PDB file of all heavy atoms in Angstrom:
ATOM      1  N   ILE A   1       0.835  -1.206   0.000  1.00  0.00           N
ATOM      2  CA  ILE A   1       0.000   0.000   0.000  1.00  0.00           C
ATOM      3  C   ILE A   1       0.868   1.253   0.000  1.00  0.00           C
ATOM      4  O   ILE A   1       0.637   2.198  -0.751  1.00  0.00           O
ATOM      5  CB  ILE A   1      -0.940  -0.009   1.216  1.00  0.00           C
ATOM      6  CG1 ILE A   1      -1.923  -1.174   1.118  1.00  0.00           C
ATOM      7  CG2 ILE A   1      -1.703   1.321   1.313  1.00  0.00           C
ATOM      8  CD1 ILE A   1      -2.725  -1.416   2.385  1.00  0.00           C
ATOM      9  N   GLY A   2       1.901   1.265   0.832  1.00  0.00           N
ATOM     10  CA  GLY A   2       2.722   2.463   0.991  1.00  0.00           C
ATOM     11  C   GLY A   2       3.659   2.752  -0.158  1.00  0.00           C
ATOM     12  O   GLY A   2       4.111   3.878  -0.319  1.00  0.00           O
ATOM     13  N   SER A   3       3.953   1.741  -0.987  1.00  0.00           N
ATOM     14  CA  SER A   3       4.903   1.965  -2.083  1.00  0.00           C
ATOM     15  C   SER A   3       4.386   2.982  -3.093  1.00  0.00           C
ATOM     16  O   SER A   3       5.156   3.518  -3.881  1.00  0.00           O
ATOM     17  CB  SER A   3       5.221   0.643  -2.783  1.00  0.00           C
ATOM     18  OG  SER A   3       4.054   0.107  -3.399  1.00  0.00           O
ATOM     19  N   TYR A   4       3.095   3.272  -3.070  1.00  0.00           N
ATOM     20  CA  TYR A   4       2.541   4.231  -4.019  1.00  0.00           C
ATOM     21  C   TYR A   4       3.037   5.647  -3.746  1.00  0.00           C
ATOM     22  O   TYR A   4       3.201   6.440  -4.659  1.00  0.00           O
ATOM     23  CB  TYR A   4       1.013   4.183  -3.955  1.00  0.00           C
ATOM     24  CG  TYR A   4       0.341   4.832  -5.135  1.00  0.00           C
ATOM     25  CD1 TYR A   4       0.027   4.096  -6.267  1.00  0.00           C
ATOM     26  CD2 TYR A   4       0.038   6.197  -5.121  1.00  0.00           C
ATOM     27  CE1 TYR A   4      -0.585   4.692  -7.343  1.00  0.00           C
ATOM     28  CE2 TYR A   4      -0.567   6.799  -6.196  1.00  0.00           C
ATOM     29  CZ  TYR A   4      -0.885   6.044  -7.301  1.00  0.00           C
ATOM     30  OH  TYR A   4      -1.479   6.635  -8.378  1.00  0.00           O
ATOM     31  N   TYR A   5       3.291   5.972  -2.462  1.00  0.00           N
ATOM     32  CA  TYR A   5       3.685   7.343  -2.136  1.00  0.00           C
ATOM     33  C   TYR A   5       5.031   7.427  -1.424  1.00  0.00           C
ATOM     34  O   TYR A   5       5.613   8.504  -1.341  1.00  0.00           O
ATOM     35  CB  TYR A   5       2.622   7.999  -1.237  1.00  0.00           C
ATOM     36  CG  TYR A   5       2.443   7.322   0.105  1.00  0.00           C
ATOM     37  CD1 TYR A   5       3.233   7.672   1.200  1.00  0.00           C
ATOM     38  CD2 TYR A   5       1.501   6.311   0.280  1.00  0.00           C
ATOM     39  CE1 TYR A   5       3.092   7.043   2.425  1.00  0.00           C
ATOM     40  CE2 TYR A   5       1.341   5.684   1.505  1.00  0.00           C
ATOM     41  CZ  TYR A   5       2.137   6.044   2.568  1.00  0.00           C
ATOM     42  OH  TYR A   5       1.993   5.412   3.765  1.00  0.00           O
ATOM     43  N   SER A   6       5.549   6.311  -0.893  1.00  0.00           N
ATOM     44  CA  SER A   6       6.768   6.358  -0.086  1.00  0.00           C
ATOM     45  C   SER A   6       7.905   5.592  -0.765  1.00  0.00           C
ATOM     46  O   SER A   6       7.834   4.364  -0.890  1.00  0.00           O
ATOM     47  CB  SER A   6       6.508   5.736   1.295  1.00  0.00           C
ATOM     48  OG  SER A   6       7.729   5.484   1.968  1.00  0.00           O
ATOM     49  N   PRO A   7       8.967   6.283  -1.201  1.00  0.00           N
ATOM     50  CA  PRO A   7      10.113   5.578  -1.776  1.00  0.00           C
ATOM     51  C   PRO A   7      10.704   4.552  -0.809  1.00  0.00           C
ATOM     52  O   PRO A   7      11.190   3.510  -1.233  1.00  0.00           O
ATOM     53  CB  PRO A   7      11.111   6.704  -2.067  1.00  0.00           C
ATOM     54  CG  PRO A   7      10.267   7.912  -2.248  1.00  0.00           C
ATOM     55  CD  PRO A   7       9.115   7.753  -1.300  1.00  0.00           C
ATOM     56  N   TYR A   8      10.651   4.852   0.500  1.00  0.00           N
ATOM     57  CA  TYR A   8      11.207   3.905   1.465  1.00  0.00           C
ATOM     58  C   TYR A   8      10.402   2.605   1.489  1.00  0.00           C
ATOM     59  O   TYR A   8      10.965   1.516   1.418  1.00  0.00           O
ATOM     60  CB  TYR A   8      11.239   4.507   2.868  1.00  0.00           C
ATOM     61  CG  TYR A   8      11.618   3.474   3.904  1.00  0.00           C
ATOM     62  CD1 TYR A   8      12.911   2.942   3.929  1.00  0.00           C
ATOM     63  CD2 TYR A   8      10.688   2.983   4.813  1.00  0.00           C
ATOM     64  CE1 TYR A   8      13.263   1.956   4.840  1.00  0.00           C
ATOM     65  CE2 TYR A   8      11.031   2.008   5.730  1.00  0.00           C
ATOM     66  CZ  TYR A   8      12.321   1.495   5.734  1.00  0.00           C
ATOM     67  OH  TYR A   8      12.662   0.501   6.624  1.00  0.00           O
ATOM     68  N   LEU A   9       9.080   2.718   1.578  1.00  0.00           N
ATOM     69  CA  LEU A   9       8.262   1.506   1.602  1.00  0.00           C
ATOM     70  C   LEU A   9       8.369   0.748   0.287  1.00  0.00           C
ATOM     71  O   LEU A   9       8.349  -0.483   0.262  1.00  0.00           O
ATOM     72  CB  LEU A   9       6.809   1.856   1.910  1.00  0.00           C
ATOM     73  CG  LEU A   9       6.545   2.304   3.348  1.00  0.00           C
ATOM     74  CD1 LEU A   9       5.094   2.716   3.532  1.00  0.00           C
ATOM     75  CD2 LEU A   9       6.919   1.205   4.349  1.00  0.00           C
ATOM     76  N   LYS A  10       8.521   1.475  -0.807  1.00  0.00           N
ATOM     77  CA  LYS A  10       8.718   0.800  -2.094  1.00  0.00           C
ATOM     78  C   LYS A  10      10.029   0.025  -2.108  1.00  0.00           C
ATOM     79  O   LYS A  10      10.099  -1.112  -2.584  1.00  0.00           O
ATOM     80  CB  LYS A  10       8.707   1.794  -3.255  1.00  0.00           C
ATOM     81  CG  LYS A  10       8.872   1.131  -4.626  1.00  0.00           C
ATOM     82  CD  LYS A  10       8.856   2.154  -5.737  1.00  0.00           C
ATOM     83  CE  LYS A  10       8.903   1.463  -7.093  1.00  0.00           C
ATOM     84  NZ  LYS A  10      10.067   0.585  -7.276  1.00  0.00           N
ATOM     85  N   SER A  11      11.078   0.625  -1.543  1.00  0.00           N
ATOM     86  CA  SER A  11      12.371  -0.068  -1.510  1.00  0.00           C
ATOM     87  C   SER A  11      12.288  -1.333  -0.668  1.00  0.00           C
ATOM     88  O   SER A  11      12.899  -2.362  -0.996  1.00  0.00           O
ATOM     89  CB  SER A  11      13.463   0.862  -0.969  1.00  0.00           C
ATOM     90  OG  SER A  11      13.353   1.047   0.439  1.00  0.00           O
ATOM     91  N   GLN A  12      11.520  -1.280   0.407  1.00  0.00           N
ATOM     92  CA  GLN A  12      11.373  -2.463   1.256  1.00  0.00           C
ATOM     93  C   GLN A  12      10.538  -3.544   0.568  1.00  0.00           C
ATOM     94  O   GLN A  12      10.828  -4.736   0.675  1.00  0.00           O
ATOM     95  CB  GLN A  12      10.729  -2.068   2.588  1.00  0.00           C
ATOM     96  CG  GLN A  12      11.539  -1.056   3.400  1.00  0.00           C
ATOM     97  CD  GLN A  12      12.942  -1.568   3.701  1.00  0.00           C
ATOM     98  OE1 GLN A  12      13.143  -2.414   4.565  1.00  0.00           O
ATOM     99  NE2 GLN A  12      13.938  -1.071   2.978  1.00  0.00           N
ATOM    100  N   TYR A  13       9.516  -3.112  -0.161  1.00  0.00           N
ATOM    101  CA  TYR A  13       8.718  -4.071  -0.941  1.00  0.00           C
ATOM    102  C   TYR A  13       9.583  -4.730  -2.011  1.00  0.00           C
ATOM    103  O   TYR A  13       9.560  -5.956  -2.192  1.00  0.00           O
ATOM    104  CB  TYR A  13       7.527  -3.361  -1.576  1.00  0.00           C
ATOM    105  CG  TYR A  13       6.782  -4.224  -2.564  1.00  0.00           C
ATOM    106  CD1 TYR A  13       6.035  -5.320  -2.146  1.00  0.00           C
ATOM    107  CD2 TYR A  13       6.836  -3.942  -3.929  1.00  0.00           C
ATOM    108  CE1 TYR A  13       5.358  -6.113  -3.045  1.00  0.00           C
ATOM    109  CE2 TYR A  13       6.162  -4.733  -4.835  1.00  0.00           C
ATOM    110  CZ  TYR A  13       5.421  -5.814  -4.397  1.00  0.00           C
ATOM    111  OH  TYR A  13       4.761  -6.600  -5.306  1.00  0.00           O
ATOM    112  N   ASP A  14      10.360  -3.921  -2.730  1.00  0.00           N
ATOM    113  CA  ASP A  14      11.214  -4.452  -3.797  1.00  0.00           C
ATOM    114  C   ASP A  14      12.264  -5.410  -3.245  1.00  0.00           C
ATOM    115  O   ASP A  14      12.655  -6.364  -3.923  1.00  0.00           O
ATOM    116  CB  ASP A  14      11.913  -3.311  -4.550  1.00  0.00           C
ATOM    117  CG  ASP A  14      10.945  -2.470  -5.363  1.00  0.00           C
ATOM    118  OD1 ASP A  14       9.840  -2.970  -5.656  1.00  0.00           O
ATOM    119  OD2 ASP A  14      11.281  -1.322  -5.686  1.00  0.00           O
ATOM    120  N   ALA A  15      12.733  -5.138  -2.018  1.00  0.00           N
ATOM    121  CA  ALA A  15      13.758  -5.986  -1.402  1.00  0.00           C
ATOM    122  C   ALA A  15      13.164  -7.232  -0.747  1.00  0.00           C
ATOM    123  O   ALA A  15      13.905  -8.081  -0.246  1.00  0.00           O
ATOM    124  CB  ALA A  15      14.551  -5.185  -0.366  1.00  0.00           C
ATOM    125  N   GLY A  16      11.842  -7.337  -0.719  1.00  0.00           N
ATOM    126  CA  GLY A  16      11.207  -8.515  -0.143  1.00  0.00           C
ATOM    127  C   GLY A  16      11.184  -8.535   1.377  1.00  0.00           C
ATOM    128  O   GLY A  16      11.028  -9.599   1.977  1.00  0.00           O
ATOM    129  N   VAL A  17      11.338  -7.367   2.015  1.00  0.00           N
ATOM    130  CA  VAL A  17      11.301  -7.317   3.478  1.00  0.00           C
ATOM    131  C   VAL A  17       9.902  -7.722   3.955  1.00  0.00           C
ATOM    132  O   VAL A  17       8.894  -7.205   3.457  1.00  0.00           O
ATOM    133  CB  VAL A  17      11.651  -5.905   3.985  1.00  0.00           C
ATOM    134  CG1 VAL A  17      11.442  -5.795   5.493  1.00  0.00           C
ATOM    135  CG2 VAL A  17      13.087  -5.570   3.621  1.00  0.00           C
ATOM    136  N   ALA A  18       9.845  -8.642   4.917  1.00  0.00           N
ATOM    137  CA  ALA A  18       8.547  -9.166   5.345  1.00  0.00           C
ATOM    138  C   ALA A  18       8.413  -9.258   6.862  1.00  0.00           C
ATOM    139  O   ALA A  18       7.453  -9.839   7.358  1.00  0.00           O
ATOM    140  CB  ALA A  18       8.296 -10.543   4.726  1.00  0.00           C
ATOM    141  N   ASP A  19       9.369  -8.686   7.612  1.00  0.00           N
ATOM    142  CA  ASP A  19       9.263  -8.745   9.070  1.00  0.00           C
ATOM    143  C   ASP A  19       9.400  -7.347   9.647  1.00  0.00           C
ATOM    144  O   ASP A  19      10.123  -6.497   9.116  1.00  0.00           O
ATOM    145  CB  ASP A  19      10.335  -9.675   9.660  1.00  0.00           C
ATOM    146  CG  ASP A  19      11.746  -9.170   9.396  1.00  0.00           C
ATOM    147  OD1 ASP A  19      12.222  -9.334   8.254  1.00  0.00           O
ATOM    148  OD2 ASP A  19      12.362  -8.607  10.311  1.00  0.00           O
ATOM    149  N   VAL A  20       8.694  -7.093  10.733  1.00  0.00           N
ATOM    150  CA  VAL A  20       8.643  -5.759  11.331  1.00  0.00           C
ATOM    151  C   VAL A  20      10.008  -5.289  11.837  1.00  0.00           C
ATOM    152  O   VAL A  20      10.382  -4.136  11.614  1.00  0.00           O
ATOM    153  CB  VAL A  20       7.591  -5.701  12.449  1.00  0.00           C
ATOM    154  CG1 VAL A  20       7.495  -4.290  13.023  1.00  0.00           C
ATOM    155  CG2 VAL A  20       6.221  -6.143  11.935  1.00  0.00           C
ATOM    156  N   PRO A  21      10.804  -6.132  12.544  1.00  0.00           N
ATOM    157  CA  PRO A  21      12.104  -5.639  13.014  1.00  0.00           C
ATOM    158  C   PRO A  21      12.983  -5.091  11.884  1.00  0.00           C
ATOM    159  O   PRO A  21      13.647  -4.057  12.056  1.00  0.00           O
ATOM    160  CB  PRO A  21      12.735  -6.876  13.669  1.00  0.00           C
ATOM    161  CG  PRO A  21      11.562  -7.692  14.130  1.00  0.00           C
ATOM    162  CD  PRO A  21      10.526  -7.502  13.065  1.00  0.00           C
ATOM    163  N   SER A  22      12.986  -5.749  10.732  1.00  0.00           N
ATOM    164  CA  SER A  22      13.796  -5.256   9.607  1.00  0.00           C
ATOM    165  C   SER A  22      13.239  -3.950   9.068  1.00  0.00           C
ATOM    166  O   SER A  22      13.986  -3.027   8.739  1.00  0.00           O
ATOM    167  CB  SER A  22      13.839  -6.298   8.487  1.00  0.00           C
ATOM    168  OG  SER A  22      14.534  -7.448   8.905  1.00  0.00           O
ATOM    169  N   LEU A  23      11.911  -3.856   8.961  1.00  0.00           N
ATOM    170  CA  LEU A  23      11.296  -2.625   8.474  1.00  0.00           C
ATOM    171  C   LEU A  23      11.670  -1.450   9.364  1.00  0.00           C
ATOM    172  O   LEU A  23      11.978  -0.358   8.872  1.00  0.00           O
ATOM    173  CB  LEU A  23       9.778  -2.791   8.414  1.00  0.00           C
ATOM    174  CG  LEU A  23       8.996  -1.640   7.791  1.00  0.00           C
ATOM    175  CD1 LEU A  23       9.213  -1.599   6.287  1.00  0.00           C
ATOM    176  CD2 LEU A  23       7.510  -1.754   8.102  1.00  0.00           C
ATOM    177  N   VAL A  24      11.680  -1.663  10.676  1.00  0.00           N
ATOM    178  CA  VAL A  24      12.034  -0.601  11.624  1.00  0.00           C
ATOM    179  C   VAL A  24      13.522  -0.263  11.518  1.00  0.00           C
ATOM    180  O   VAL A  24      13.905   0.903  11.429  1.00  0.00           O
ATOM    181  CB  VAL A  24      11.678  -1.024  13.066  1.00  0.00           C
ATOM    182  CG1 VAL A  24      12.216  -0.009  14.073  1.00  0.00           C
ATOM    183  CG2 VAL A  24      10.162  -1.174  13.220  1.00  0.00           C
ATOM    184  N   ALA A  25      14.365  -1.289  11.517  1.00  0.00           N
ATOM    185  CA  ALA A  25      15.817  -1.061  11.498  1.00  0.00           C
ATOM    186  C   ALA A  25      16.261  -0.379  10.216  1.00  0.00           C
ATOM    187  O   ALA A  25      17.110   0.522  10.229  1.00  0.00           O
ATOM    188  CB  ALA A  25      16.552  -2.389  11.684  1.00  0.00           C
ATOM    189  N   ASN A  26      15.709  -0.786   9.086  1.00  0.00           N
ATOM    190  CA  ASN A  26      16.123  -0.235   7.791  1.00  0.00           C
ATOM    191  C   ASN A  26      15.735   1.221   7.626  1.00  0.00           C
ATOM    192  O   ASN A  26      16.327   1.935   6.814  1.00  0.00           O
ATOM    193  CB  ASN A  26      15.516  -1.052   6.655  1.00  0.00           C
ATOM    194  CG  ASN A  26      16.062  -2.467   6.595  1.00  0.00           C
ATOM    195  OD1 ASN A  26      17.081  -2.772   7.200  1.00  0.00           O
ATOM    196  ND2 ASN A  26      15.383  -3.346   5.875  1.00  0.00           N
ATOM    197  N   ALA A  27      14.735   1.673   8.385  1.00  0.00           N
ATOM    198  CA  ALA A  27      14.297   3.067   8.267  1.00  0.00           C
ATOM    199  C   ALA A  27      15.315   4.039   8.844  1.00  0.00           C
ATOM    200  O   ALA A  27      15.349   5.211   8.473  1.00  0.00           O
ATOM    201  CB  ALA A  27      12.953   3.253   8.966  1.00  0.00           C
ATOM    202  N   GLY A  28      16.173   3.575   9.746  1.00  0.00           N
ATOM    203  CA  GLY A  28      17.154   4.459  10.369  1.00  0.00           C
ATOM    204  C   GLY A  28      16.570   5.154  11.590  1.00  0.00           C
ATOM    205  O   GLY A  28      15.379   5.514  11.622  1.00  0.00           O
ATOM    206  N   SER A  29      17.396   5.361  12.581  1.00  0.00           N
ATOM    207  CA  SER A  29      16.921   5.883  13.868  1.00  0.00           C
ATOM    208  C   SER A  29      16.265   7.251  13.737  1.00  0.00           C
ATOM    209  O   SER A  29      15.342   7.580  14.481  1.00  0.00           O
ATOM    210  CB  SER A  29      18.080   5.959  14.866  1.00  0.00           C
ATOM    211  OG  SER A  29      19.119   6.795  14.360  1.00  0.00           O
ATOM    212  N   GLY A  30      16.706   8.066  12.797  1.00  0.00           N
ATOM    213  CA  GLY A  30      16.137   9.407  12.645  1.00  0.00           C
ATOM    214  C   GLY A  30      14.717   9.413  12.136  1.00  0.00           C
ATOM    215  O   GLY A  30      14.021  10.436  12.236  1.00  0.00           O
ATOM    216  N   ASN A  31      14.264   8.289  11.603  1.00  0.00           N
ATOM    217  CA  ASN A  31      12.914   8.222  11.050  1.00  0.00           C
ATOM    218  C   ASN A  31      11.978   7.368  11.895  1.00  0.00           C
ATOM    219  O   ASN A  31      10.832   7.147  11.499  1.00  0.00           O
ATOM    220  CB  ASN A  31      12.966   7.661   9.628  1.00  0.00           C
ATOM    221  CG  ASN A  31      13.722   8.567   8.699  1.00  0.00           C
ATOM    222  OD1 ASN A  31      13.407   9.736   8.575  1.00  0.00           O
ATOM    223  ND2 ASN A  31      14.748   8.030   8.057  1.00  0.00           N
ATOM    224  N   VAL A  32      12.457   6.882  13.031  1.00  0.00           N
ATOM    225  CA  VAL A  32      11.634   6.088  13.938  1.00  0.00           C
ATOM    226  C   VAL A  32      11.557   6.820  15.266  1.00  0.00           C
ATOM    227  O   VAL A  32      12.585   7.139  15.877  1.00  0.00           O
ATOM    228  CB  VAL A  32      12.222   4.674  14.135  1.00  0.00           C
ATOM    229  CG1 VAL A  32      11.343   3.870  15.078  1.00  0.00           C
ATOM    230  CG2 VAL A  32      12.370   3.954  12.797  1.00  0.00           C
ATOM    231  N   ILE A  33      10.337   7.127  15.707  1.00  0.00           N
ATOM    232  CA  ILE A  33      10.159   7.866  16.954  1.00  0.00           C
ATOM    233  C   ILE A  33       9.179   7.111  17.855  1.00  0.00           C
ATOM    234  O   ILE A  33       8.424   6.246  17.390  1.00  0.00           O
ATOM    235  CB  ILE A  33       9.639   9.297  16.700  1.00  0.00           C
ATOM    236  CG1 ILE A  33       8.279   9.267  16.003  1.00  0.00           C
ATOM    237  CG2 ILE A  33      10.645  10.092  15.885  1.00  0.00           C
ATOM    238  CD1 ILE A  33       7.652  10.643  15.798  1.00  0.00           C
ATOM    239  N   ALA A  34       9.200   7.436  19.130  1.00  0.00           N
ATOM    240  CA  ALA A  34       8.259   6.828  20.070  1.00  0.00           C
ATOM    241  C   ALA A  34       6.840   7.245  19.702  1.00  0.00           C
ATOM    242  O   ALA A  34       6.596   8.364  19.220  1.00  0.00           O
ATOM    243  CB  ALA A  34       8.588   7.256  21.496  1.00  0.00           C
ATOM    244  N   PHE A  35       5.902   6.338  19.924  1.00  0.00           N
ATOM    245  CA  PHE A  35       4.524   6.627  19.552  1.00  0.00           C
ATOM    246  C   PHE A  35       3.958   7.771  20.393  1.00  0.00           C
ATOM    247  O   PHE A  35       4.057   7.782  21.623  1.00  0.00           O
ATOM    248  CB  PHE A  35       3.633   5.402  19.727  1.00  0.00           C
ATOM    249  CG  PHE A  35       2.205   5.676  19.332  1.00  0.00           C
ATOM    250  CD1 PHE A  35       1.814   5.596  18.012  1.00  0.00           C
ATOM    251  CD2 PHE A  35       1.264   6.051  20.288  1.00  0.00           C
ATOM    252  CE1 PHE A  35       0.501   5.878  17.640  1.00  0.00           C
ATOM    253  CE2 PHE A  35      -0.051   6.339  19.925  1.00  0.00           C
ATOM    254  CZ  PHE A  35      -0.428   6.243  18.594  1.00  0.00           C
ATOM    255  N   ASP A  36       3.386   8.737  19.688  1.00  0.00           N
ATOM    256  CA  ASP A  36       2.655   9.830  20.309  1.00  0.00           C
ATOM    257  C   ASP A  36       1.679  10.309  19.244  1.00  0.00           C
ATOM    258  O   ASP A  36       2.088  10.716  18.148  1.00  0.00           O
ATOM    259  CB  ASP A  36       3.602  10.958  20.717  1.00  0.00           C
ATOM    260  CG  ASP A  36       2.890  12.092  21.436  1.00  0.00           C
ATOM    261  OD1 ASP A  36       1.655  12.237  21.255  1.00  0.00           O
ATOM    262  OD2 ASP A  36       3.551  12.834  22.170  1.00  0.00           O
ATOM    263  N   GLU A  37       0.399  10.237  19.529  1.00  0.00           N
ATOM    264  CA  GLU A  37      -0.603  10.586  18.520  1.00  0.00           C
ATOM    265  C   GLU A  37      -0.420  12.000  18.001  1.00  0.00           C
ATOM    266  O   GLU A  37      -0.784  12.316  16.867  1.00  0.00           O
ATOM    267  CB  GLU A  37      -2.008  10.398  19.101  1.00  0.00           C
ATOM    268  CG  GLU A  37      -3.085  10.378  18.029  1.00  0.00           C
ATOM    269  CD  GLU A  37      -4.435   9.955  18.563  1.00  0.00           C
ATOM    270  OE1 GLU A  37      -4.513   9.494  19.721  1.00  0.00           O
ATOM    271  OE2 GLU A  37      -5.419  10.086  17.818  1.00  0.00           O
ATOM    272  N   GLU A  38       0.177  12.864  18.812  1.00  0.00           N
ATOM    273  CA  GLU A  38       0.431  14.243  18.389  1.00  0.00           C
ATOM    274  C   GLU A  38       1.388  14.287  17.197  1.00  0.00           C
ATOM    275  O   GLU A  38       1.347  15.217  16.392  1.00  0.00           O
ATOM    276  CB  GLU A  38       1.035  15.045  19.558  1.00  0.00           C
ATOM    277  CG  GLU A  38       0.114  15.228  20.738  1.00  0.00           C
ATOM    278  CD  GLU A  38      -0.862  16.372  20.537  1.00  0.00           C
ATOM    279  OE1 GLU A  38      -0.492  17.352  19.873  1.00  0.00           O
ATOM    280  OE2 GLU A  38      -1.986  16.271  21.038  1.00  0.00           O
ATOM    281  N   ASN A  39       2.292  13.290  17.085  1.00  0.00           N
ATOM    282  CA  ASN A  39       3.305  13.273  16.019  1.00  0.00           C
ATOM    283  C   ASN A  39       2.913  12.369  14.860  1.00  0.00           C
ATOM    284  O   ASN A  39       3.724  12.100  13.977  1.00  0.00           O
ATOM    285  CB  ASN A  39       4.645  12.805  16.580  1.00  0.00           C
ATOM    286  CG  ASN A  39       5.187  13.752  17.629  1.00  0.00           C
ATOM    287  OD1 ASN A  39       5.038  14.970  17.515  1.00  0.00           O
ATOM    288  ND2 ASN A  39       5.800  13.207  18.681  1.00  0.00           N
ATOM    289  N   LEU A  40       1.666  11.903  14.840  1.00  0.00           N
ATOM    290  CA  LEU A  40       1.229  10.949  13.832  1.00  0.00           C
ATOM    291  C   LEU A  40       0.646  11.687  12.636  1.00  0.00           C
ATOM    292  O   LEU A  40      -0.235  12.540  12.783  1.00  0.00           O
ATOM    293  CB  LEU A  40       0.173  10.023  14.447  1.00  0.00           C
ATOM    294  CG  LEU A  40      -0.146   8.701  13.755  1.00  0.00           C
ATOM    295  CD1 LEU A  40       1.116   7.873  13.534  1.00  0.00           C
ATOM    296  CD2 LEU A  40      -1.165   7.925  14.566  1.00  0.00           C
ATOM    297  N   ALA A  41       1.151  11.384  11.445  1.00  0.00           N
ATOM    298  CA  ALA A  41       0.650  11.987  10.208  1.00  0.00           C
ATOM    299  C   ALA A  41       0.134  10.886   9.287  1.00  0.00           C
ATOM    300  O   ALA A  41       0.593   9.740   9.346  1.00  0.00           O
ATOM    301  CB  ALA A  41       1.763  12.770   9.508  1.00  0.00           C
ATOM    302  N   VAL A  42      -0.813  11.239   8.442  1.00  0.00           N
ATOM    303  CA  VAL A  42      -1.330  10.282   7.462  1.00  0.00           C
ATOM    304  C   VAL A  42      -0.172   9.757   6.624  1.00  0.00           C
ATOM    305  O   VAL A  42       0.649  10.521   6.110  1.00  0.00           O
ATOM    306  CB  VAL A  42      -2.382  10.957   6.557  1.00  0.00           C
ATOM    307  CG1 VAL A  42      -2.784  10.015   5.425  1.00  0.00           C
ATOM    308  CG2 VAL A  42      -3.591  11.354   7.371  1.00  0.00           C
ATOM    309  N   GLY A  43      -0.097   8.441   6.509  1.00  0.00           N
ATOM    310  CA  GLY A  43       0.981   7.815   5.742  1.00  0.00           C
ATOM    311  C   GLY A  43       2.088   7.252   6.597  1.00  0.00           C
ATOM    312  O   GLY A  43       2.925   6.493   6.108  1.00  0.00           O
ATOM    313  N   ASP A  44       2.116   7.622   7.886  1.00  0.00           N
ATOM    314  CA  ASP A  44       3.113   7.040   8.790  1.00  0.00           C
ATOM    315  C   ASP A  44       2.761   5.579   9.089  1.00  0.00           C
ATOM    316  O   ASP A  44       1.586   5.184   9.048  1.00  0.00           O
ATOM    317  CB  ASP A  44       3.145   7.807  10.115  1.00  0.00           C
ATOM    318  CG  ASP A  44       3.821   9.156  10.004  1.00  0.00           C
ATOM    319  OD1 ASP A  44       4.543   9.376   9.020  1.00  0.00           O
ATOM    320  OD2 ASP A  44       3.597   9.990  10.916  1.00  0.00           O
ATOM    321  N   CYS A  45       3.766   4.796   9.420  1.00  0.00           N
ATOM    322  CA  CYS A  45       3.550   3.425   9.881  1.00  0.00           C
ATOM    323  C   CYS A  45       3.481   3.406  11.406  1.00  0.00           C
ATOM    324  O   CYS A  45       4.337   4.000  12.068  1.00  0.00           O
ATOM    325  CB  CYS A  45       4.681   2.509   9.403  1.00  0.00           C
ATOM    326  SG  CYS A  45       4.568   2.049   7.668  1.00  0.00           S
TER     327      CYS A  45
END
């Protein structure tokens, strides 16, 4: 679903990533934040 608008999600789809730990790790620490609904935007995972 996300590959339509997110180059990152498309890269993960193309690479065959299928587990959550890899999806989180591959995003890089700067793009993963603690959950807070205030920081949630449409399209975020």
